[in-house]
Amino acid sequence: MSTHTAARSPIHVTAQPNPSSSAGSKPAASNAAADYSFLRRYAGRFIVFEGPDGSGKSTQFRRLTEACKSLAPPIALCEVREPGGTPVGERIRQHILLARAEEGLEMGVRCEMLLYMASRAELVERRIVPALKRGELVLADRFVASTLAYQGAAGGLSMADIAGVARVATRNLQPDLVVVFDIDEKAAAKRLSPLLDRMEAKGAEFHRRVRQGYLDQAKSDPGRYAVVDASRGEEEVWGQLTAMLRGRAGSLSARTTR
């Protein structure tokens, strides 16, 4: 389990205007041109990307992995997704998706939470912990914060119950950093495909609760969370993300044995 610096106010990263660019100009910098050497400080760390559906976190996840791989030599990475990432986890993922797609197979929110946690237990044991011991940077597309937001804040399950199951499933492993890509439900809905899955089709109020669930987590654990304004364009969000990571890289606490 990792340790962290003393708690501080939640980090909310917002876009800054770029006077040298205009609406019709190309992005000022690309992954290939920018200096991402500061990312080496995150070797042996565990970073999680979180956010409501439609926040664009998966796009930023891809860009960060590309930035890590662009270095010479590249940073050793372990990329994982949830649910899935292991043979057992992928089977669980199939069951969850099947329950969403086929009428009559709907599952209760508690069952859904437990399936996510079962997949997570395999992921932690088989991939995340071994990668951290090898000194790799682990990047995860969702982790426990998703369950707290979706099945907890929005789904109505007790946060204490979810946290208790999570401690068992993850062996109390905590990410070094949770990046929440924040966007309101109206803006997110405009980005979602009209072919929504069951989770995305639950309506604006559900997604409002999901968003608030993420923000409440960030407020309660400011040393571990950073909130990025995901309502902006891809390049601006990328700029916010890298600025935050650069700023935090200089204040990382000593890495401990997990």
Protein backbone atom coordinates (compact mmCIF):
# COMPACT_ATOMS: atom_id res chain seq x y z
CA MET A 1 0.00 0.00 0.00
CA SER A 2 1.32 3.43 -0.85
CA THR A 3 1.80 6.39 1.42
CA HIS A 4 0.98 10.02 0.64
CA THR A 5 1.86 13.53 1.54
CA ALA A 6 -0.14 15.51 4.08
CA ALA A 7 -3.69 16.40 3.13
CA ARG A 8 -4.30 19.64 1.31
CA SER A 9 -7.18 21.37 -0.41
CA PRO A 10 -8.63 19.46 -3.39
CA ILE A 11 -6.81 20.24 -6.63
CA HIS A 12 -9.19 21.54 -9.28
CA VAL A 13 -7.41 22.06 -12.58
CA THR A 14 -9.01 24.47 -15.01
CA ALA A 15 -8.01 25.48 -18.50
CA GLN A 16 -5.96 28.61 -18.99
CA PRO A 17 -6.29 30.74 -22.11
CA ASN A 18 -3.45 30.49 -24.61
CA PRO A 19 -2.84 33.92 -26.12
CA SER A 20 -0.68 32.49 -28.87
CA SER A 21 -3.44 30.31 -30.32
CA SER A 22 -6.77 31.03 -31.94
CA ALA A 23 -9.90 28.98 -32.51
CA GLY A 24 -8.74 27.96 -35.96
CA SER A 25 -5.12 27.23 -35.09
CA LYS A 26 -3.56 23.83 -34.55
CA PRO A 27 -2.70 22.64 -31.03
CA ALA A 28 0.47 24.29 -29.74
CA ALA A 29 2.14 21.02 -28.76
CA SER A 30 1.76 17.33 -29.46
CA ASN A 31 2.87 14.28 -27.52
CA ALA A 32 5.86 13.99 -29.82
CA ALA A 33 7.07 17.58 -29.31
CA ALA A 34 6.55 18.09 -25.58
CA ASP A 35 8.97 17.19 -22.78
CA TYR A 36 7.39 14.50 -20.62
CA SER A 37 10.52 13.43 -18.77
CA PHE A 38 8.85 14.39 -15.47
CA LEU A 39 6.65 11.31 -15.90
CA ARG A 40 9.62 9.15 -14.92
CA ARG A 41 9.01 10.25 -11.33
CA TYR A 42 5.83 8.16 -11.41
CA ALA A 43 7.67 4.85 -11.84
CA GLY A 44 6.31 2.40 -9.28
CA ARG A 45 3.16 4.48 -8.77
CA PHE A 46 -0.50 3.67 -9.23
CA ILE A 47 -2.62 6.26 -11.08
CA VAL A 48 -6.35 5.86 -11.72
CA PHE A 49 -8.45 7.77 -14.25
CA GLU A 50 -12.06 8.29 -13.19
CA GLY A 51 -15.08 10.26 -14.32
CA PRO A 52 -18.68 10.08 -15.49
CA ASP A 53 -19.59 8.51 -18.82
CA GLY A 54 -18.86 11.05 -21.54
CA SER A 55 -16.05 12.76 -19.62
CA GLY A 56 -13.39 11.84 -22.19
CA LYS A 57 -11.15 10.11 -19.64
CA SER A 58 -10.38 7.19 -21.95
CA THR A 59 -9.03 9.59 -24.59
CA GLN A 60 -6.75 11.21 -22.02
CA PHE A 61 -5.74 7.77 -20.73
CA ARG A 62 -4.60 6.86 -24.23
CA ARG A 63 -2.66 10.10 -24.58
CA LEU A 64 -0.86 9.57 -21.29
CA THR A 65 0.18 6.05 -22.24
CA GLU A 66 1.47 7.38 -25.56
CA ALA A 67 3.44 10.09 -23.77
CA CYS A 68 5.06 7.50 -21.48
CA LYS A 69 5.97 5.32 -24.45
CA SER A 70 7.39 8.29 -26.38
CA LEU A 71 10.29 8.67 -23.94
CA ALA A 72 13.64 7.07 -24.68
CA PRO A 73 13.79 4.63 -23.10
CA PRO A 74 10.01 4.38 -22.56
CA ILE A 75 8.56 4.16 -19.06
CA ALA A 76 7.66 0.62 -18.03
CA LEU A 77 3.86 0.58 -17.98
CA CYS A 78 1.08 -1.69 -16.78
CA GLU A 79 -2.23 -0.59 -18.33
CA VAL A 80 -5.44 -2.05 -16.92
CA ARG A 81 -9.16 -1.55 -17.41
CA GLU A 82 -12.21 -2.39 -15.34
CA PRO A 83 -13.94 -4.69 -15.30
CA GLY A 84 -11.49 -7.08 -16.97
CA GLY A 85 -7.74 -7.19 -17.38
CA THR A 86 -7.37 -10.87 -16.42
CA PRO A 87 -8.93 -14.07 -17.84
CA VAL A 88 -11.37 -14.25 -14.92
CA GLY A 89 -12.02 -10.51 -15.06
CA GLU A 90 -12.84 -10.63 -18.77
CA ARG A 91 -15.40 -13.39 -18.13
CA ILE A 92 -16.98 -11.25 -15.43
CA ARG A 93 -17.03 -8.33 -17.86
CA GLN A 94 -18.90 -10.46 -20.39
CA HIS A 95 -21.52 -11.39 -17.79
CA ILE A 96 -22.03 -7.76 -16.78
CA LEU A 97 -22.39 -6.62 -20.40
CA LEU A 98 -24.73 -9.51 -21.16
CA ALA A 99 -26.96 -8.57 -18.22
CA ARG A 100 -27.18 -5.04 -19.61
CA ALA A 101 -28.02 -6.16 -23.13
CA GLU A 102 -30.48 -9.02 -22.68
CA GLU A 103 -33.95 -8.56 -21.31
CA GLY A 104 -34.64 -10.70 -18.27
CA LEU A 105 -30.99 -10.82 -17.16
CA GLU A 106 -31.01 -7.55 -15.23
CA MET A 107 -29.04 -7.81 -11.99
CA GLY A 108 -29.45 -5.93 -8.75
CA VAL A 109 -27.03 -3.17 -7.84
CA ARG A 110 -25.53 -5.23 -4.98
CA CYS A 111 -24.83 -8.14 -7.29
CA GLU A 112 -23.30 -5.75 -9.80
CA MET A 113 -21.06 -4.23 -7.13
CA LEU A 114 -19.85 -7.66 -6.01
CA LEU A 115 -19.02 -8.69 -9.58
CA TYR A 116 -16.96 -5.54 -10.09
CA MET A 117 -15.13 -6.27 -6.86
CA ALA A 118 -14.47 -9.89 -7.85
CA SER A 119 -12.91 -8.72 -11.11
CA ARG A 120 -10.94 -6.12 -9.17
CA ALA A 121 -9.58 -8.71 -6.73
CA GLU A 122 -8.09 -10.71 -9.61
CA LEU A 123 -6.71 -7.55 -11.22
CA VAL A 124 -4.95 -6.44 -8.04
CA GLU A 125 -3.48 -9.87 -7.31
CA ARG A 126 -2.50 -10.88 -10.83
CA ARG A 127 -1.41 -7.63 -12.40
CA ILE A 128 -1.36 -4.46 -10.30
CA VAL A 129 0.64 -5.59 -7.26
CA PRO A 130 3.23 -7.52 -9.32
CA ALA A 131 3.69 -4.51 -11.62
CA LEU A 132 4.20 -2.15 -8.67
CA LYS A 133 6.79 -4.52 -7.21
CA ARG A 134 8.63 -4.42 -10.54
CA GLY A 135 8.69 -0.62 -10.35
CA GLU A 136 6.26 -0.08 -13.22
CA LEU A 137 3.82 2.80 -13.54
CA VAL A 138 0.33 1.31 -13.26
CA LEU A 139 -2.38 3.21 -15.14
CA ALA A 140 -5.95 2.09 -14.49
CA ASP A 141 -9.10 3.10 -16.35
CA ARG A 142 -11.42 3.04 -13.30
CA PHE A 143 -10.99 1.48 -9.85
CA VAL A 144 -12.84 1.60 -6.50
CA ALA A 145 -13.90 5.24 -6.93
CA SER A 146 -16.17 4.16 -9.81
CA THR A 147 -18.04 1.72 -7.59
CA LEU A 148 -18.44 4.35 -4.89
CA ALA A 149 -19.84 6.80 -7.46
CA TYR A 150 -22.04 4.50 -9.56
CA GLN A 151 -23.27 1.79 -7.20
CA GLY A 152 -22.92 3.96 -4.09
CA ALA A 153 -23.76 7.62 -4.63
CA ALA A 154 -26.03 6.95 -7.61
CA GLY A 155 -27.13 3.37 -6.98
CA GLY A 156 -27.97 3.74 -3.30
CA LEU A 157 -25.63 1.19 -1.72
CA SER A 158 -23.99 2.06 1.57
CA MET A 159 -20.58 3.66 1.10
CA ALA A 160 -19.40 1.81 4.20
CA ASP A 161 -20.47 -1.53 2.72
CA ILE A 162 -18.68 -0.80 -0.56
CA ALA A 163 -15.54 0.33 1.26
CA GLY A 164 -15.57 -2.83 3.37
CA VAL A 165 -15.79 -5.12 0.35
CA ALA A 166 -13.13 -3.06 -1.42
CA ARG A 167 -10.68 -3.51 1.46
CA VAL A 168 -10.99 -7.28 1.08
CA ALA A 169 -10.92 -7.29 -2.74
CA THR A 170 -7.94 -4.97 -3.10
CA ARG A 171 -6.04 -5.94 0.05
CA ASN A 172 -6.52 -2.29 0.98
CA LEU A 173 -4.37 -1.12 -1.93
CA GLN A 174 -4.88 2.60 -2.53
CA PRO A 175 -3.92 4.51 -5.69
CA ASP A 176 -1.23 7.16 -5.38
CA LEU A 177 -3.38 9.48 -7.47
CA VAL A 178 -7.00 9.46 -8.64
CA VAL A 179 -7.68 11.88 -11.51
CA VAL A 180 -11.37 12.76 -11.81
CA PHE A 181 -12.42 14.16 -15.19
CA ASP A 182 -15.34 16.34 -14.16
CA ILE A 183 -18.20 17.20 -16.49
CA ASP A 184 -21.86 17.96 -15.83
CA GLU A 185 -24.56 15.58 -16.97
CA LYS A 186 -25.86 17.82 -19.78
CA ALA A 187 -22.46 18.27 -21.41
CA ALA A 188 -21.66 14.58 -20.99
CA ALA A 189 -24.94 13.52 -22.61
CA LYS A 190 -24.09 15.43 -25.78
CA ARG A 191 -20.92 13.34 -26.15
CA LEU A 192 -22.52 9.93 -25.62
CA SER A 193 -23.54 7.69 -28.47
CA PRO A 194 -27.29 7.41 -29.06
CA LEU A 195 -26.74 3.65 -28.70
CA LEU A 196 -26.39 3.87 -24.92
CA ASP A 197 -25.84 0.87 -22.71
CA ARG A 198 -28.05 0.34 -19.67
CA MET A 199 -25.77 2.32 -17.34
CA GLU A 200 -25.61 5.35 -19.63
CA ALA A 201 -29.38 5.30 -20.29
CA LYS A 202 -30.39 5.82 -16.66
CA GLY A 203 -31.04 9.51 -17.08
CA ALA A 204 -29.76 12.91 -16.04
CA GLU A 205 -30.51 12.57 -12.33
CA PHE A 206 -28.54 9.32 -12.09
CA HIS A 207 -25.56 10.94 -13.79
CA ARG A 208 -25.85 14.02 -11.61
CA ARG A 209 -25.50 11.77 -8.56
CA VAL A 210 -22.54 9.99 -10.14
CA ARG A 211 -20.78 13.29 -10.71
CA GLN A 212 -21.50 14.47 -7.18
CA GLY A 213 -20.25 11.15 -5.85
CA TYR A 214 -16.90 11.74 -7.51
CA LEU A 215 -16.67 15.32 -6.28
CA ASP A 216 -17.52 14.27 -2.73
CA GLN A 217 -14.73 11.70 -2.81
CA ALA A 218 -12.26 14.31 -4.03
CA LYS A 219 -13.33 16.70 -1.29
CA SER A 220 -12.94 14.05 1.43
CA ASP A 221 -9.49 12.86 0.26
CA PRO A 222 -7.73 15.87 -1.31
CA GLY A 223 -4.25 14.42 -0.96
CA ARG A 224 -5.08 11.58 -3.30
CA TYR A 225 -7.50 13.19 -5.79
CA ALA A 226 -7.16 15.81 -8.51
CA VAL A 227 -10.20 17.15 -10.38
CA VAL A 228 -9.75 18.15 -14.02
CA ASP A 229 -12.29 20.30 -15.89
CA ALA A 230 -13.26 17.87 -18.66
CA SER A 231 -15.83 20.19 -20.28
CA ARG A 232 -13.12 21.76 -22.46
CA GLY A 233 -11.67 20.50 -25.73
CA GLU A 234 -9.28 17.57 -25.85
CA GLU A 235 -6.11 19.67 -26.11
CA GLU A 236 -7.08 21.93 -23.22
CA VAL A 237 -7.92 18.95 -21.02
CA TRP A 238 -4.60 17.35 -21.94
CA GLY A 239 -2.84 20.56 -20.97
CA GLN A 240 -4.59 20.59 -17.59
CA LEU A 241 -3.71 16.96 -16.98
CA THR A 242 -0.02 17.26 -17.79
CA ALA A 243 0.32 20.50 -15.80
CA MET A 244 -1.18 18.79 -12.77
CA LEU A 245 1.03 15.72 -13.14
CA ARG A 246 4.12 17.89 -13.57
CA GLY A 247 3.22 19.87 -10.45
CA ARG A 248 2.59 16.79 -8.34
CA ALA A 249 5.71 14.99 -9.55
CA GLY A 250 7.90 17.34 -7.54
CA SER A 251 6.13 16.57 -4.26
CA LEU A 252 5.86 12.78 -4.40
CA SER A 253 6.60 11.12 -1.07
CA ALA A 254 9.17 8.35 -0.83
CA ARG A 255 7.98 5.13 -2.41
CA THR A 256 7.32 2.37 0.12
CA THR A 257 7.41 -1.39 -0.24
CA ARG A 258 4.00 -2.83 -0.98
